[in-house]
């Protein structure tokens, strides 16, 4: 059976700590594709940042997080608003 490197070690580590494995998968959601957030993303990032002493305005967070999306936009197209 094929498995990625480190999988067995991680499985044994989790089993040693928690007994049986509690999670079988990790789901990652981007741009509201699976989950609908209850708070705007920038507000969540600001709240978490405040907790750890990182101070940014929500507008700064939006600018910094949208920059990579704009950089990936196809030629002659611009991204405005939420991504589909």
PDB file of N, CA and C in Angstrom:
ATOM      1  N   UNK A   1       0.852  -1.184   0.000  1.00  0.00           N
ATOM      2  CA  UNK A   1       0.000   0.000   0.000  1.00  0.00           C
ATOM      3  C   UNK A   1       0.887   1.234   0.000  1.00  0.00           C
ATOM      4  N   UNK A   2       0.576   2.195  -0.864  1.00  0.00           N
ATOM      5  CA  UNK A   2       1.347   3.428  -0.964  1.00  0.00           C
ATOM      6  C   UNK A   2       0.808   4.442   0.036  1.00  0.00           C
ATOM      7  N   UNK A   3       1.708   5.167   0.698  1.00  0.00           N
ATOM      8  CA  UNK A   3       1.299   6.273   1.562  1.00  0.00           C
ATOM      9  C   UNK A   3       2.401   7.315   1.567  1.00  0.00           C
ATOM     10  N   UNK A   4       2.024   8.600   1.674  1.00  0.00           N
ATOM     11  CA  UNK A   4       3.025   9.670   1.668  1.00  0.00           C
ATOM     12  C   UNK A   4       4.001   9.511   2.831  1.00  0.00           C
ATOM     13  N   UNK A   5       5.211  10.001   2.618  1.00  0.00           N
ATOM     14  CA  UNK A   5       6.227   9.934   3.663  1.00  0.00           C
ATOM     15  C   UNK A   5       5.737  10.646   4.911  1.00  0.00           C
ATOM     16  N   UNK A   6       5.950  10.034   6.042  1.00  0.00           N
ATOM     17  CA  UNK A   6       5.577  10.651   7.311  1.00  0.00           C
ATOM     18  C   UNK A   6       4.167  10.342   7.764  1.00  0.00           C
ATOM     19  N   UNK A   7       3.361   9.719   6.911  1.00  0.00           N
ATOM     20  CA  UNK A   7       1.974   9.448   7.282  1.00  0.00           C
ATOM     21  C   UNK A   7       1.902   8.497   8.465  1.00  0.00           C
ATOM     22  N   UNK A   8       2.652   7.412   8.397  1.00  0.00           N
ATOM     23  CA  UNK A   8       2.615   6.429   9.484  1.00  0.00           C
ATOM     24  C   UNK A   8       3.089   7.053  10.797  1.00  0.00           C
ATOM     25  N   UNK A   9       4.154   7.864  10.732  1.00  0.00           N
ATOM     26  CA  UNK A   9       4.654   8.501  11.946  1.00  0.00           C
ATOM     27  C   UNK A   9       3.605   9.433  12.544  1.00  0.00           C
ATOM     28  N   UNK A  10       2.946  10.191  11.684  1.00  0.00           N
ATOM     29  CA  UNK A  10       1.901  11.099  12.172  1.00  0.00           C
ATOM     30  C   UNK A  10       0.742  10.304  12.774  1.00  0.00           C
ATOM     31  N   UNK A  11       0.356   9.235  12.115  1.00  0.00           N
ATOM     32  CA  UNK A  11      -0.714   8.384  12.618  1.00  0.00           C
ATOM     33  C   UNK A  11      -0.352   7.854  14.004  1.00  0.00           C
ATOM     34  N   UNK A  12       0.863   7.353  14.173  1.00  0.00           N
ATOM     35  CA  UNK A  12       1.297   6.814  15.466  1.00  0.00           C
ATOM     36  C   UNK A  12       1.381   7.914  16.522  1.00  0.00           C
ATOM     37  N   UNK A  13       1.838   9.095  16.129  1.00  0.00           N
ATOM     38  CA  UNK A  13       1.903  10.240  17.039  1.00  0.00           C
ATOM     39  C   UNK A  13       0.507  10.595  17.552  1.00  0.00           C
ATOM     40  N   UNK A  14      -0.455  10.725  16.629  1.00  0.00           N
ATOM     41  CA  UNK A  14      -1.830  11.067  17.034  1.00  0.00           C
ATOM     42  C   UNK A  14      -2.432   9.974  17.901  1.00  0.00           C
ATOM     43  N   UNK A  15      -2.171   8.725  17.555  1.00  0.00           N
ATOM     44  CA  UNK A  15      -2.713   7.613  18.332  1.00  0.00           C
ATOM     45  C   UNK A  15      -2.138   7.636  19.752  1.00  0.00           C
ATOM     46  N   UNK A  16      -0.849   7.966  19.876  1.00  0.00           N
ATOM     47  CA  UNK A  16      -0.231   8.023  21.203  1.00  0.00           C
ATOM     48  C   UNK A  16      -0.850   9.121  22.056  1.00  0.00           C
ATOM     49  N   UNK A  17      -1.229  10.231  21.437  1.00  0.00           N
ATOM     50  CA  UNK A  17      -1.788  11.350  22.189  1.00  0.00           C
ATOM     51  C   UNK A  17      -3.293  11.192  22.426  1.00  0.00           C
ATOM     52  N   UNK A  18      -4.046  10.860  21.372  1.00  0.00           N
ATOM     53  CA  UNK A  18      -5.508  10.894  21.433  1.00  0.00           C
ATOM     54  C   UNK A  18      -6.177   9.532  21.428  1.00  0.00           C
ATOM     55  N   UNK A  19      -5.409   8.460  21.401  1.00  0.00           N
ATOM     56  CA  UNK A  19      -6.046   7.152  21.277  1.00  0.00           C
ATOM     57  C   UNK A  19      -6.301   6.883  19.809  1.00  0.00           C
ATOM     58  N   UNK A  20      -7.550   6.736  19.442  1.00  0.00           N
ATOM     59  CA  UNK A  20      -7.872   6.490  18.038  1.00  0.00           C
ATOM     60  C   UNK A  20      -7.828   7.805  17.267  1.00  0.00           C
ATOM     61  N   UNK A  21      -7.626   7.716  15.979  1.00  0.00           N
ATOM     62  CA  UNK A  21      -7.567   8.911  15.131  1.00  0.00           C
ATOM     63  C   UNK A  21      -8.913   9.622  15.167  1.00  0.00           C
ATOM     64  N   UNK A  22      -8.883  10.930  15.383  1.00  0.00           N
ATOM     65  CA  UNK A  22     -10.122  11.702  15.485  1.00  0.00           C
ATOM     66  C   UNK A  22     -10.510  12.347  14.171  1.00  0.00           C
ATOM     67  N   UNK A  23      -9.553  12.509  13.255  1.00  0.00           N
ATOM     68  CA  UNK A  23      -9.844  13.173  11.985  1.00  0.00           C
ATOM     69  C   UNK A  23      -9.336  12.307  10.836  1.00  0.00           C
ATOM     70  N   UNK A  24     -10.146  12.170   9.806  1.00  0.00           N
ATOM     71  CA  UNK A  24      -9.743  11.409   8.634  1.00  0.00           C
ATOM     72  C   UNK A  24      -9.370  12.317   7.468  1.00  0.00           C
ATOM     73  N   UNK A  25      -9.779  13.592   7.522  1.00  0.00           N
ATOM     74  CA  UNK A  25      -9.503  14.502   6.413  1.00  0.00           C
ATOM     75  C   UNK A  25      -9.418  15.923   6.926  1.00  0.00           C
ATOM     76  N   UNK A  26      -8.758  16.758   6.156  1.00  0.00           N
ATOM     77  CA  UNK A  26      -8.699  18.188   6.428  1.00  0.00           C
ATOM     78  C   UNK A  26      -9.329  18.885   5.237  1.00  0.00           C
ATOM     79  N   UNK A  27     -10.319  19.714   5.476  1.00  0.00           N
ATOM     80  CA  UNK A  27     -10.959  20.468   4.414  1.00  0.00           C
ATOM     81  C   UNK A  27     -10.467  21.901   4.448  1.00  0.00           C
ATOM     82  N   UNK A  28     -10.134  22.421   3.302  1.00  0.00           N
ATOM     83  CA  UNK A  28      -9.671  23.802   3.191  1.00  0.00           C
ATOM     84  C   UNK A  28     -10.650  24.538   2.289  1.00  0.00           C
ATOM     85  N   UNK A  29     -11.141  25.664   2.762  1.00  0.00           N
ATOM     86  CA  UNK A  29     -12.110  26.442   2.008  1.00  0.00           C
ATOM     87  C   UNK A  29     -11.477  27.762   1.613  1.00  0.00           C
ATOM     88  N   UNK A  30     -11.609  28.121   0.347  1.00  0.00           N
ATOM     89  CA  UNK A  30     -11.073  29.389  -0.136  1.00  0.00           C
ATOM     90  C   UNK A  30     -12.185  30.188  -0.793  1.00  0.00           C
ATOM     91  N   UNK A  31     -12.273  31.448  -0.453  1.00  0.00           N
ATOM     92  CA  UNK A  31     -13.214  32.373  -1.085  1.00  0.00           C
ATOM     93  C   UNK A  31     -14.666  31.945  -0.926  1.00  0.00           C
ATOM     94  N   UNK A  32     -15.004  31.312   0.211  1.00  0.00           N
ATOM     95  CA  UNK A  32     -16.391  30.983   0.479  1.00  0.00           C
ATOM     96  C   UNK A  32     -16.980  29.917  -0.419  1.00  0.00           C
ATOM     97  N   UNK A  33     -16.160  28.971  -0.889  1.00  0.00           N
ATOM     98  CA  UNK A  33     -16.670  27.956  -1.802  1.00  0.00           C
ATOM     99  C   UNK A  33     -17.467  26.873  -1.094  1.00  0.00           C
ATOM    100  N   UNK A  34     -17.092  26.517   0.120  1.00  0.00           N
ATOM    101  CA  UNK A  34     -17.793  25.474   0.859  1.00  0.00           C
ATOM    102  C   UNK A  34     -18.534  26.016   2.076  1.00  0.00           C
ATOM    103  N   UNK A  35     -17.930  26.954   2.752  1.00  0.00           N
ATOM    104  CA  UNK A  35     -18.488  27.492   3.981  1.00  0.00           C
ATOM    105  C   UNK A  35     -18.773  28.976   3.820  1.00  0.00           C
ATOM    106  N   UNK A  36     -19.843  29.413   4.424  1.00  0.00           N
ATOM    107  CA  UNK A  36     -20.167  30.840   4.402  1.00  0.00           C
ATOM    108  C   UNK A  36     -19.744  31.445   5.731  1.00  0.00           C
ATOM    109  N   UNK A  37     -18.749  32.330   5.724  1.00  0.00           N
ATOM    110  CA  UNK A  37     -18.278  32.911   6.987  1.00  0.00           C
ATOM    111  C   UNK A  37     -19.338  33.814   7.612  1.00  0.00           C
ATOM    112  N   UNK A  38     -19.335  33.867   8.935  1.00  0.00           N
ATOM    113  CA  UNK A  38     -20.282  34.739   9.634  1.00  0.00           C
ATOM    114  C   UNK A  38     -19.738  36.145   9.798  1.00  0.00           C
ATOM    115  N   UNK A  39     -18.416  36.295   9.647  1.00  0.00           N
ATOM    116  CA  UNK A  39     -17.779  37.605   9.738  1.00  0.00           C
ATOM    117  C   UNK A  39     -16.898  37.800   8.503  1.00  0.00           C
ATOM    118  N   UNK A  40     -16.694  39.033   8.071  1.00  0.00           N
ATOM    119  CA  UNK A  40     -15.797  39.268   6.935  1.00  0.00           C
ATOM    120  C   UNK A  40     -14.383  38.760   7.233  1.00  0.00           C
ATOM    121  N   UNK A  41     -13.716  38.242   6.209  1.00  0.00           N
ATOM    122  CA  UNK A  41     -12.380  37.669   6.363  1.00  0.00           C
ATOM    123  C   UNK A  41     -11.415  38.658   7.016  1.00  0.00           C
ATOM    124  N   UNK A  42     -11.427  39.893   6.570  1.00  0.00           N
ATOM    125  CA  UNK A  42     -10.482  40.879   7.115  1.00  0.00           C
ATOM    126  C   UNK A  42     -10.727  41.108   8.607  1.00  0.00           C
ATOM    127  N   UNK A  43     -11.970  41.062   9.018  1.00  0.00           N
ATOM    128  CA  UNK A  43     -12.291  41.237  10.440  1.00  0.00           C
ATOM    129  C   UNK A  43     -11.747  40.066  11.258  1.00  0.00           C
ATOM    130  N   UNK A  44     -11.884  38.861  10.746  1.00  0.00           N
ATOM    131  CA  UNK A  44     -11.361  37.678  11.443  1.00  0.00           C
ATOM    132  C   UNK A  44      -9.847  37.759  11.546  1.00  0.00           C
ATOM    133  N   UNK A  45      -9.176  38.087  10.425  1.00  0.00           N
ATOM    134  CA  UNK A  45      -7.715  38.200  10.438  1.00  0.00           C
ATOM    135  C   UNK A  45      -7.265  39.281  11.428  1.00  0.00           C
ATOM    136  N   UNK A  46      -7.968  40.417  11.456  1.00  0.00           N
ATOM    137  CA  UNK A  46      -7.603  41.494  12.378  1.00  0.00           C
ATOM    138  C   UNK A  46      -7.769  41.042  13.822  1.00  0.00           C
ATOM    139  N   UNK A  47      -8.866  40.361  14.122  1.00  0.00           N
ATOM    140  CA  UNK A  47      -9.129  39.898  15.487  1.00  0.00           C
ATOM    141  C   UNK A  47      -8.046  38.928  15.949  1.00  0.00           C
ATOM    142  N   UNK A  48      -7.688  37.979  15.094  1.00  0.00           N
ATOM    143  CA  UNK A  48      -6.638  37.015  15.445  1.00  0.00           C
ATOM    144  C   UNK A  48      -5.300  37.736  15.573  1.00  0.00           C
ATOM    145  N   UNK A  49      -5.015  38.656  14.662  1.00  0.00           N
ATOM    146  CA  UNK A  49      -3.770  39.421  14.736  1.00  0.00           C
ATOM    147  C   UNK A  49      -3.661  40.225  16.017  1.00  0.00           C
ATOM    148  N   UNK A  50      -4.764  40.868  16.420  1.00  0.00           N
ATOM    149  CA  UNK A  50      -4.779  41.632  17.669  1.00  0.00           C
ATOM    150  C   UNK A  50      -4.405  40.742  18.854  1.00  0.00           C
ATOM    151  N   UNK A  51      -4.907  39.523  18.831  1.00  0.00           N
ATOM    152  CA  UNK A  51      -4.628  38.578  19.923  1.00  0.00           C
ATOM    153  C   UNK A  51      -3.132  38.320  20.075  1.00  0.00           C
ATOM    154  N   UNK A  52      -2.405  38.375  18.946  1.00  0.00           N
ATOM    155  CA  UNK A  52      -0.971  38.088  18.964  1.00  0.00           C
ATOM    156  C   UNK A  52      -0.109  39.337  18.806  1.00  0.00           C
ATOM    157  N   UNK A  53      -0.725  40.511  18.966  1.00  0.00           N
ATOM    158  CA  UNK A  53       0.030  41.752  18.938  1.00  0.00           C
ATOM    159  C   UNK A  53       0.326  42.294  17.553  1.00  0.00           C
ATOM    160  N   UNK A  54      -0.322  41.750  16.528  1.00  0.00           N
ATOM    161  CA  UNK A  54      -0.137  42.231  15.152  1.00  0.00           C
ATOM    162  C   UNK A  54      -1.264  43.214  14.864  1.00  0.00           C
ATOM    163  N   UNK A  55      -0.901  44.444  14.537  1.00  0.00           N
ATOM    164  CA  UNK A  55      -1.904  45.500  14.359  1.00  0.00           C
ATOM    165  C   UNK A  55      -1.977  45.934  12.897  1.00  0.00           C
ATOM    166  N   UNK A  56      -3.074  45.610  12.242  1.00  0.00           N
ATOM    167  CA  UNK A  56      -3.356  46.061  10.882  1.00  0.00           C
ATOM    168  C   UNK A  56      -4.806  46.519  10.817  1.00  0.00           C
ATOM    169  N   UNK A  57      -5.065  47.520   9.999  1.00  0.00           N
ATOM    170  CA  UNK A  57      -6.437  47.920   9.720  1.00  0.00           C
ATOM    171  C   UNK A  57      -7.043  46.906   8.752  1.00  0.00           C
ATOM    172  N   UNK A  58      -8.355  46.749   8.806  1.00  0.00           N
ATOM    173  CA  UNK A  58      -9.016  45.812   7.898  1.00  0.00           C
ATOM    174  C   UNK A  58      -8.762  46.172   6.436  1.00  0.00           C
ATOM    175  N   UNK A  59      -8.703  47.461   6.118  1.00  0.00           N
ATOM    176  CA  UNK A  59      -8.403  47.876   4.738  1.00  0.00           C
ATOM    177  C   UNK A  59      -7.020  47.405   4.292  1.00  0.00           C
ATOM    178  N   UNK A  60      -6.042  47.472   5.204  1.00  0.00           N
ATOM    179  CA  UNK A  60      -4.692  46.991   4.883  1.00  0.00           C
ATOM    180  C   UNK A  60      -4.696  45.483   4.650  1.00  0.00           C
ATOM    181  N   UNK A  61      -5.443  44.763   5.461  1.00  0.00           N
ATOM    182  CA  UNK A  61      -5.533  43.308   5.308  1.00  0.00           C
ATOM    183  C   UNK A  61      -6.147  42.963   3.959  1.00  0.00           C
ATOM    184  N   UNK A  62      -7.219  43.649   3.604  1.00  0.00           N
ATOM    185  CA  UNK A  62      -7.856  43.399   2.305  1.00  0.00           C
ATOM    186  C   UNK A  62      -6.900  43.667   1.153  1.00  0.00           C
ATOM    187  N   UNK A  63      -6.145  44.759   1.249  1.00  0.00           N
ATOM    188  CA  UNK A  63      -5.200  45.092   0.191  1.00  0.00           C
ATOM    189  C   UNK A  63      -4.123  44.010   0.082  1.00  0.00           C
ATOM    190  N   UNK A  64      -3.583  43.584   1.224  1.00  0.00           N
ATOM    191  CA  UNK A  64      -2.502  42.602   1.207  1.00  0.00           C
ATOM    192  C   UNK A  64      -2.968  41.221   0.761  1.00  0.00           C
ATOM    193  N   UNK A  65      -4.184  40.844   1.084  1.00  0.00           N
ATOM    194  CA  UNK A  65      -4.664  39.519   0.690  1.00  0.00           C
ATOM    195  C   UNK A  65      -5.183  39.494  -0.737  1.00  0.00           C
ATOM    196  N   UNK A  66      -5.614  40.636  -1.270  1.00  0.00           N
ATOM    197  CA  UNK A  66      -6.123  40.643  -2.645  1.00  0.00           C
ATOM    198  C   UNK A  66      -4.996  40.776  -3.672  1.00  0.00           C
ATOM    199  N   UNK A  67      -3.836  41.267  -3.239  1.00  0.00           N
ATOM    200  CA  UNK A  67      -2.710  41.452  -4.166  1.00  0.00           C
ATOM    201  C   UNK A  67      -2.338  40.154  -4.902  1.00  0.00           C
ATOM    202  N   UNK A  68      -2.191  39.002  -4.221  1.00  0.00           N
ATOM    203  CA  UNK A  68      -1.858  37.772  -4.957  1.00  0.00           C
ATOM    204  C   UNK A  68      -2.940  37.365  -5.955  1.00  0.00           C
ATOM    205  N   UNK A  69      -4.212  37.594  -5.635  1.00  0.00           N
ATOM    206  CA  UNK A  69      -5.294  37.256  -6.564  1.00  0.00           C
ATOM    207  C   UNK A  69      -5.205  38.128  -7.816  1.00  0.00           C
ATOM    208  N   UNK A  70      -4.908  39.405  -7.614  1.00  0.00           N
ATOM    209  CA  UNK A  70      -4.783  40.298  -8.777  1.00  0.00           C
ATOM    210  C   UNK A  70      -3.595  39.892  -9.641  1.00  0.00           C
ATOM    211  N   UNK A  71      -2.519  39.455  -9.012  1.00  0.00           N
ATOM    212  CA  UNK A  71      -1.324  39.064  -9.751  1.00  0.00           C
ATOM    213  C   UNK A  71      -1.586  37.831 -10.613  1.00  0.00           C
ATOM    214  N   UNK A  72      -2.534  37.003 -10.213  1.00  0.00           N
ATOM    215  CA  UNK A  72      -2.847  35.784 -10.964  1.00  0.00           C
ATOM    216  C   UNK A  72      -3.932  35.998 -12.003  1.00  0.00           C
ATOM    217  N   UNK A  73      -4.489  37.195 -12.084  1.00  0.00           N
ATOM    218  CA  UNK A  73      -5.569  37.465 -13.045  1.00  0.00           C
ATOM    219  C   UNK A  73      -5.047  37.287 -14.465  1.00  0.00           C
ATOM    220  N   UNK A  74      -5.872  36.698 -15.330  1.00  0.00           N
ATOM    221  CA  UNK A  74      -5.450  36.545 -16.726  1.00  0.00           C
ATOM    222  C   UNK A  74      -5.205  37.916 -17.368  1.00  0.00           C
ATOM    223  N   UNK A  75      -4.376  37.978 -18.411  1.00  0.00           N
ATOM    224  CA  UNK A  75      -4.136  39.257 -19.097  1.00  0.00           C
ATOM    225  C   UNK A  75      -5.447  39.869 -19.564  1.00  0.00           C
ATOM    226  N   UNK A  76      -5.495  41.189 -19.538  1.00  0.00           N
ATOM    227  CA  UNK A  76      -6.674  41.949 -19.969  1.00  0.00           C
ATOM    228  C   UNK A  76      -7.909  41.709 -19.105  1.00  0.00           C
ATOM    229  N   UNK A  77      -7.731  41.154 -17.935  1.00  0.00           N
ATOM    230  CA  UNK A  77      -8.839  40.952 -17.013  1.00  0.00           C
ATOM    231  C   UNK A  77      -8.438  41.508 -15.664  1.00  0.00           C
ATOM    232  N   UNK A  78      -9.371  42.064 -14.969  1.00  0.00           N
ATOM    233  CA  UNK A  78      -9.105  42.515 -13.615  1.00  0.00           C
ATOM    234  C   UNK A  78     -10.108  41.855 -12.694  1.00  0.00           C
ATOM    235  N   UNK A  79      -9.709  41.635 -11.478  1.00  0.00           N
ATOM    236  CA  UNK A  79     -10.586  41.029 -10.488  1.00  0.00           C
ATOM    237  C   UNK A  79     -11.214  42.139  -9.655  1.00  0.00           C
ATOM    238  N   UNK A  80     -12.506  42.133  -9.578  1.00  0.00           N
ATOM    239  CA  UNK A  80     -13.202  43.085  -8.721  1.00  0.00           C
ATOM    240  C   UNK A  80     -14.184  42.318  -7.868  1.00  0.00           C
ATOM    241  N   UNK A  81     -14.290  42.718  -6.623  1.00  0.00           N
ATOM    242  CA  UNK A  81     -15.239  42.063  -5.734  1.00  0.00           C
ATOM    243  C   UNK A  81     -14.784  40.652  -5.397  1.00  0.00           C
ATOM    244  N   UNK A  82     -15.758  39.825  -5.020  1.00  0.00           N
ATOM    245  CA  UNK A  82     -15.468  38.456  -4.606  1.00  0.00           C
ATOM    246  C   UNK A  82     -15.171  37.585  -5.819  1.00  0.00           C
ATOM    247  N   UNK A  83     -14.324  36.620  -5.602  1.00  0.00           N
ATOM    248  CA  UNK A  83     -14.024  35.653  -6.658  1.00  0.00           C
ATOM    249  C   UNK A  83     -15.172  34.660  -6.771  1.00  0.00           C
ATOM    250  N   UNK A  84     -15.424  34.131  -7.962  1.00  0.00           N
ATOM    251  CA  UNK A  84     -16.506  33.153  -8.104  1.00  0.00           C
ATOM    252  C   UNK A  84     -16.198  31.855  -7.387  1.00  0.00           C
TER     253      UNK A  84
END
